[in-house]
Amino acid sequence: MNTPEPGFYYHYKHDEKGSINNYAYEVLNVAHHTEVDDLDEGAMVIYQPIYESSVYKAGKHWDARPLAMFVENVVKDGKEIPRFTKIADPKIISELEKIKKEMYAKLD
């Protein structure tokens, strides 16, 4: 199974007309559920929102999603697209880095 590289990603709900960080996330790593023997089945992607999502408001928590679900495609407007897409634009990455630094300053 493909493992996402650390970095910034947009969730398929990202609105290009909205703020640069809406539905933006930073993938931190992949973890494994200690009670699941199958490494693919127990793999979880650990990532943090770069907007004030519910987990952020709950205490700057991180998200965890099964790897299989993170890398799967979803259907939006009748088209099959990736659930998450890695951001490659250096300008966007730079802006997201600034936003992340402000949001998570107390954790550094």
N, C-alpha and C. Protein backbone atom coordinates (compact mmCIF):
# COMPACT_ATOMS: atom_id res chain seq x y z
N MET A 1 0.85 -1.18 0.00
CA MET A 1 0.00 0.00 0.00
C MET A 1 0.89 1.25 0.00
N ASN A 2 0.51 2.25 -0.76
CA ASN A 2 1.28 3.49 -0.80
C ASN A 2 1.20 4.22 0.53
N THR A 3 2.34 4.65 1.02
CA THR A 3 2.40 5.41 2.27
C THR A 3 2.63 6.87 1.93
N PRO A 4 1.78 7.76 2.42
CA PRO A 4 1.98 9.18 2.10
C PRO A 4 3.25 9.72 2.74
N GLU A 5 3.94 10.57 2.00
CA GLU A 5 5.14 11.22 2.53
C GLU A 5 4.72 12.32 3.49
N PRO A 6 5.55 12.62 4.48
CA PRO A 6 5.26 13.79 5.32
C PRO A 6 5.17 15.03 4.42
N GLY A 7 4.31 15.93 4.79
CA GLY A 7 4.13 17.16 4.02
C GLY A 7 2.69 17.63 4.09
N PHE A 8 2.38 18.64 3.30
CA PHE A 8 1.06 19.24 3.31
C PHE A 8 0.18 18.61 2.24
N TYR A 9 -1.10 18.45 2.60
CA TYR A 9 -2.10 17.85 1.72
C TYR A 9 -3.39 18.64 1.81
N TYR A 10 -4.12 18.63 0.72
CA TYR A 10 -5.49 19.12 0.73
C TYR A 10 -6.43 17.93 0.74
N HIS A 11 -7.47 18.02 1.58
CA HIS A 11 -8.56 17.07 1.59
C HIS A 11 -9.46 17.41 0.40
N TYR A 12 -10.17 16.44 -0.10
CA TYR A 12 -11.00 16.68 -1.29
C TYR A 12 -12.06 17.75 -1.07
N LYS A 13 -12.38 18.09 0.18
CA LYS A 13 -13.37 19.14 0.47
C LYS A 13 -12.77 20.54 0.37
N HIS A 14 -11.46 20.65 0.13
CA HIS A 14 -10.81 21.96 0.01
C HIS A 14 -11.50 22.78 -1.08
N ASP A 15 -11.77 24.05 -0.76
CA ASP A 15 -12.39 24.97 -1.70
C ASP A 15 -11.33 25.95 -2.17
N GLU A 16 -10.96 25.85 -3.44
CA GLU A 16 -9.92 26.73 -3.99
C GLU A 16 -10.29 28.20 -3.91
N LYS A 17 -11.58 28.51 -3.81
CA LYS A 17 -12.03 29.90 -3.70
C LYS A 17 -11.99 30.39 -2.25
N GLY A 18 -11.78 29.48 -1.32
CA GLY A 18 -11.73 29.82 0.10
C GLY A 18 -10.32 30.16 0.53
N SER A 19 -10.10 30.14 1.83
CA SER A 19 -8.78 30.45 2.36
C SER A 19 -7.79 29.36 1.96
N ILE A 20 -6.54 29.74 1.88
CA ILE A 20 -5.47 28.82 1.44
C ILE A 20 -5.37 27.59 2.34
N ASN A 21 -5.78 27.75 3.61
CA ASN A 21 -5.62 26.64 4.55
C ASN A 21 -6.90 25.86 4.83
N ASN A 22 -8.01 26.15 4.14
CA ASN A 22 -9.22 25.37 4.42
C ASN A 22 -9.02 23.94 3.94
N TYR A 23 -9.30 23.03 4.83
CA TYR A 23 -9.10 21.59 4.60
C TYR A 23 -7.66 21.26 4.20
N ALA A 24 -6.71 22.00 4.79
CA ALA A 24 -5.29 21.70 4.59
C ALA A 24 -4.79 20.95 5.82
N TYR A 25 -3.92 19.99 5.60
CA TYR A 25 -3.37 19.17 6.67
C TYR A 25 -1.89 18.95 6.45
N GLU A 26 -1.20 18.66 7.54
CA GLU A 26 0.19 18.25 7.44
C GLU A 26 0.29 16.81 7.90
N VAL A 27 0.74 15.94 7.01
CA VAL A 27 0.97 14.54 7.38
C VAL A 27 2.28 14.50 8.16
N LEU A 28 2.22 13.92 9.36
CA LEU A 28 3.38 13.84 10.23
C LEU A 28 4.09 12.51 10.12
N ASN A 29 3.31 11.42 10.06
CA ASN A 29 3.92 10.10 10.02
C ASN A 29 2.83 9.05 9.88
N VAL A 30 3.25 7.81 9.84
CA VAL A 30 2.34 6.68 9.85
C VAL A 30 2.61 5.88 11.12
N ALA A 31 1.55 5.52 11.81
CA ALA A 31 1.65 4.74 13.04
C ALA A 31 0.94 3.41 12.82
N HIS A 32 1.14 2.49 13.75
CA HIS A 32 0.49 1.19 13.65
C HIS A 32 -0.25 0.88 14.93
N HIS A 33 -1.47 0.39 14.78
CA HIS A 33 -2.29 -0.01 15.92
C HIS A 33 -1.61 -1.21 16.59
N THR A 34 -1.38 -1.11 17.87
CA THR A 34 -0.62 -2.15 18.57
C THR A 34 -1.39 -3.47 18.73
N GLU A 35 -2.69 -3.45 18.54
CA GLU A 35 -3.49 -4.66 18.72
C GLU A 35 -3.88 -5.32 17.40
N VAL A 36 -3.35 -4.82 16.29
CA VAL A 36 -3.65 -5.38 14.98
C VAL A 36 -2.36 -5.94 14.40
N ASP A 37 -2.33 -7.25 14.15
CA ASP A 37 -1.12 -7.89 13.66
C ASP A 37 -0.78 -7.55 12.22
N ASP A 38 -1.79 -7.38 11.38
CA ASP A 38 -1.57 -7.06 9.98
C ASP A 38 -1.13 -5.60 9.86
N LEU A 39 0.12 -5.38 9.40
CA LEU A 39 0.65 -4.03 9.34
C LEU A 39 -0.13 -3.12 8.40
N ASP A 40 -0.63 -3.64 7.28
CA ASP A 40 -1.44 -2.81 6.39
C ASP A 40 -2.76 -2.45 7.05
N GLU A 41 -3.39 -3.43 7.67
CA GLU A 41 -4.69 -3.19 8.30
C GLU A 41 -4.58 -2.25 9.50
N GLY A 42 -3.49 -2.33 10.24
CA GLY A 42 -3.32 -1.52 11.45
C GLY A 42 -2.63 -0.19 11.23
N ALA A 43 -2.27 0.12 9.97
CA ALA A 43 -1.55 1.37 9.69
C ALA A 43 -2.51 2.56 9.76
N MET A 44 -2.05 3.60 10.44
CA MET A 44 -2.83 4.83 10.60
C MET A 44 -1.96 6.02 10.20
N VAL A 45 -2.52 6.93 9.42
CA VAL A 45 -1.82 8.16 9.07
C VAL A 45 -2.10 9.17 10.17
N ILE A 46 -1.04 9.79 10.68
CA ILE A 46 -1.15 10.80 11.72
C ILE A 46 -0.91 12.15 11.06
N TYR A 47 -1.88 13.05 11.23
CA TYR A 47 -1.77 14.34 10.56
C TYR A 47 -2.46 15.42 11.39
N GLN A 48 -2.07 16.67 11.15
CA GLN A 48 -2.64 17.77 11.91
C GLN A 48 -3.32 18.76 10.97
N PRO A 49 -4.45 19.32 11.41
CA PRO A 49 -5.13 20.30 10.59
C PRO A 49 -4.37 21.63 10.59
N ILE A 50 -4.43 22.33 9.47
CA ILE A 50 -3.83 23.65 9.37
C ILE A 50 -4.95 24.67 9.25
N TYR A 51 -6.04 24.37 9.91
CA TYR A 51 -7.18 25.28 10.07
C TYR A 51 -7.84 24.88 11.38
N GLU A 52 -8.74 25.69 11.87
CA GLU A 52 -9.33 25.43 13.18
C GLU A 52 -10.45 24.39 13.10
N SER A 53 -10.07 23.15 12.85
CA SER A 53 -11.02 22.05 12.80
C SER A 53 -11.46 21.68 14.22
N SER A 54 -12.38 20.75 14.32
CA SER A 54 -12.88 20.34 15.64
C SER A 54 -11.79 19.74 16.52
N VAL A 55 -10.88 18.96 15.95
CA VAL A 55 -9.81 18.37 16.78
C VAL A 55 -8.83 19.44 17.25
N TYR A 56 -8.62 20.44 16.42
CA TYR A 56 -7.74 21.55 16.83
C TYR A 56 -8.39 22.31 17.99
N LYS A 57 -9.67 22.60 17.86
CA LYS A 57 -10.38 23.34 18.91
C LYS A 57 -10.48 22.52 20.20
N ALA A 58 -10.42 21.20 20.09
CA ALA A 58 -10.52 20.33 21.27
C ALA A 58 -9.22 20.27 22.06
N GLY A 59 -8.18 20.92 21.59
CA GLY A 59 -6.93 20.90 22.34
C GLY A 59 -5.71 20.73 21.46
N LYS A 60 -5.81 21.19 20.22
CA LYS A 60 -4.72 21.07 19.26
C LYS A 60 -4.31 19.61 19.06
N HIS A 61 -5.33 18.75 19.07
CA HIS A 61 -5.10 17.32 18.84
C HIS A 61 -4.76 17.07 17.38
N TRP A 62 -4.25 15.89 17.10
CA TRP A 62 -3.95 15.46 15.74
C TRP A 62 -5.04 14.51 15.29
N ASP A 63 -5.10 14.31 14.00
CA ASP A 63 -6.03 13.35 13.41
C ASP A 63 -5.31 12.04 13.16
N ALA A 64 -6.07 10.96 13.16
CA ALA A 64 -5.55 9.65 12.76
C ALA A 64 -6.61 9.02 11.86
N ARG A 65 -6.16 8.50 10.75
CA ARG A 65 -7.09 7.88 9.80
C ARG A 65 -6.42 6.61 9.28
N PRO A 66 -7.18 5.54 9.12
CA PRO A 66 -6.58 4.33 8.54
C PRO A 66 -5.90 4.66 7.21
N LEU A 67 -4.71 4.11 7.03
CA LEU A 67 -3.95 4.35 5.81
C LEU A 67 -4.77 4.05 4.56
N ALA A 68 -5.46 2.92 4.56
CA ALA A 68 -6.25 2.53 3.39
C ALA A 68 -7.29 3.60 3.04
N MET A 69 -7.88 4.20 4.06
CA MET A 69 -8.88 5.25 3.82
C MET A 69 -8.20 6.55 3.37
N PHE A 70 -7.04 6.85 3.93
CA PHE A 70 -6.33 8.08 3.57
C PHE A 70 -5.97 8.09 2.09
N VAL A 71 -5.52 6.96 1.57
CA VAL A 71 -5.04 6.91 0.17
C VAL A 71 -6.12 6.52 -0.83
N GLU A 72 -7.34 6.25 -0.38
CA GLU A 72 -8.38 5.82 -1.31
C GLU A 72 -8.96 7.00 -2.09
N ASN A 73 -9.66 6.66 -3.15
CA ASN A 73 -10.38 7.65 -3.94
C ASN A 73 -11.80 7.78 -3.41
N VAL A 74 -12.38 8.95 -3.64
CA VAL A 74 -13.77 9.22 -3.29
C VAL A 74 -14.47 9.75 -4.53
N VAL A 75 -15.78 9.76 -4.51
CA VAL A 75 -16.54 10.32 -5.63
C VAL A 75 -17.06 11.69 -5.22
N LYS A 76 -16.73 12.71 -6.03
CA LYS A 76 -17.20 14.07 -5.80
C LYS A 76 -17.70 14.61 -7.14
N ASP A 77 -18.93 15.08 -7.13
CA ASP A 77 -19.53 15.62 -8.35
C ASP A 77 -19.46 14.62 -9.50
N GLY A 78 -19.64 13.33 -9.18
CA GLY A 78 -19.65 12.29 -10.19
C GLY A 78 -18.28 11.85 -10.67
N LYS A 79 -17.21 12.44 -10.12
CA LYS A 79 -15.85 12.07 -10.54
C LYS A 79 -15.12 11.39 -9.40
N GLU A 80 -14.31 10.39 -9.74
CA GLU A 80 -13.48 9.73 -8.74
C GLU A 80 -12.17 10.50 -8.60
N ILE A 81 -11.89 10.94 -7.37
CA ILE A 81 -10.69 11.73 -7.10
C ILE A 81 -10.04 11.24 -5.81
N PRO A 82 -8.76 11.55 -5.60
CA PRO A 82 -8.11 11.15 -4.34
C PRO A 82 -8.73 11.86 -3.14
N ARG A 83 -8.83 11.16 -2.02
CA ARG A 83 -9.32 11.79 -0.79
C ARG A 83 -8.38 12.92 -0.36
N PHE A 84 -7.07 12.69 -0.47
CA PHE A 84 -6.06 13.69 -0.13
C PHE A 84 -5.10 13.84 -1.30
N THR A 85 -4.68 15.08 -1.54
CA THR A 85 -3.73 15.37 -2.61
C THR A 85 -2.56 16.15 -2.03
N LYS A 86 -1.35 15.66 -2.29
CA LYS A 86 -0.14 16.33 -1.77
C LYS A 86 0.02 17.68 -2.45
N ILE A 87 0.35 18.67 -1.65
CA ILE A 87 0.57 20.02 -2.16
C ILE A 87 2.04 20.14 -2.56
N ALA A 88 2.28 20.56 -3.80
CA ALA A 88 3.65 20.68 -4.30
C ALA A 88 4.08 22.13 -4.54
N ASP A 89 3.13 23.04 -4.58
CA ASP A 89 3.43 24.45 -4.87
C ASP A 89 4.21 25.08 -3.72
N PRO A 90 5.46 25.52 -3.97
CA PRO A 90 6.29 26.10 -2.90
C PRO A 90 5.67 27.33 -2.23
N LYS A 91 4.93 28.14 -2.97
CA LYS A 91 4.29 29.32 -2.40
C LYS A 91 3.21 28.93 -1.39
N ILE A 92 2.41 27.94 -1.75
CA ILE A 92 1.36 27.47 -0.85
C ILE A 92 1.99 26.82 0.37
N ILE A 93 3.00 26.00 0.18
CA ILE A 93 3.69 25.35 1.29
C ILE A 93 4.26 26.39 2.25
N SER A 94 4.86 27.44 1.72
CA SER A 94 5.41 28.51 2.55
C SER A 94 4.33 29.18 3.39
N GLU A 95 3.19 29.46 2.78
CA GLU A 95 2.08 30.08 3.51
C GLU A 95 1.54 29.14 4.59
N LEU A 96 1.42 27.86 4.26
CA LEU A 96 0.91 26.89 5.24
C LEU A 96 1.89 26.73 6.39
N GLU A 97 3.19 26.79 6.11
CA GLU A 97 4.20 26.73 7.18
C GLU A 97 4.01 27.89 8.16
N LYS A 98 3.75 29.09 7.64
CA LYS A 98 3.54 30.27 8.49
C LYS A 98 2.29 30.10 9.35
N ILE A 99 1.22 29.63 8.74
CA ILE A 99 -0.03 29.42 9.47
C ILE A 99 0.16 28.36 10.54
N LYS A 100 0.83 27.27 10.19
CA LYS A 100 1.09 26.19 11.15
C LYS A 100 1.89 26.70 12.33
N LYS A 101 2.91 27.49 12.06
CA LYS A 101 3.77 28.02 13.13
C LYS A 101 2.95 28.84 14.12
N GLU A 102 2.05 29.67 13.61
CA GLU A 102 1.18 30.47 14.49
C GLU A 102 0.21 29.59 15.27
N MET A 103 -0.39 28.64 14.58
CA MET A 103 -1.40 27.79 15.22
C MET A 103 -0.81 26.90 16.31
N TYR A 104 0.37 26.36 16.08
CA TYR A 104 0.95 25.38 16.98
C TYR A 104 2.15 25.92 17.74
N ALA A 105 2.25 27.24 17.86
CA ALA A 105 3.41 27.88 18.50
C ALA A 105 3.69 27.35 19.89
N LYS A 106 2.67 27.10 20.67
CA LYS A 106 2.87 26.65 22.06
C LYS A 106 3.33 25.20 22.15
N LEU A 107 3.28 24.46 21.04
CA LEU A 107 3.70 23.06 21.05
C LEU A 107 5.17 22.91 20.66
N ASP A 108 5.76 23.96 20.09
CA ASP A 108 7.16 23.89 19.67
C ASP A 108 8.11 23.89 20.84
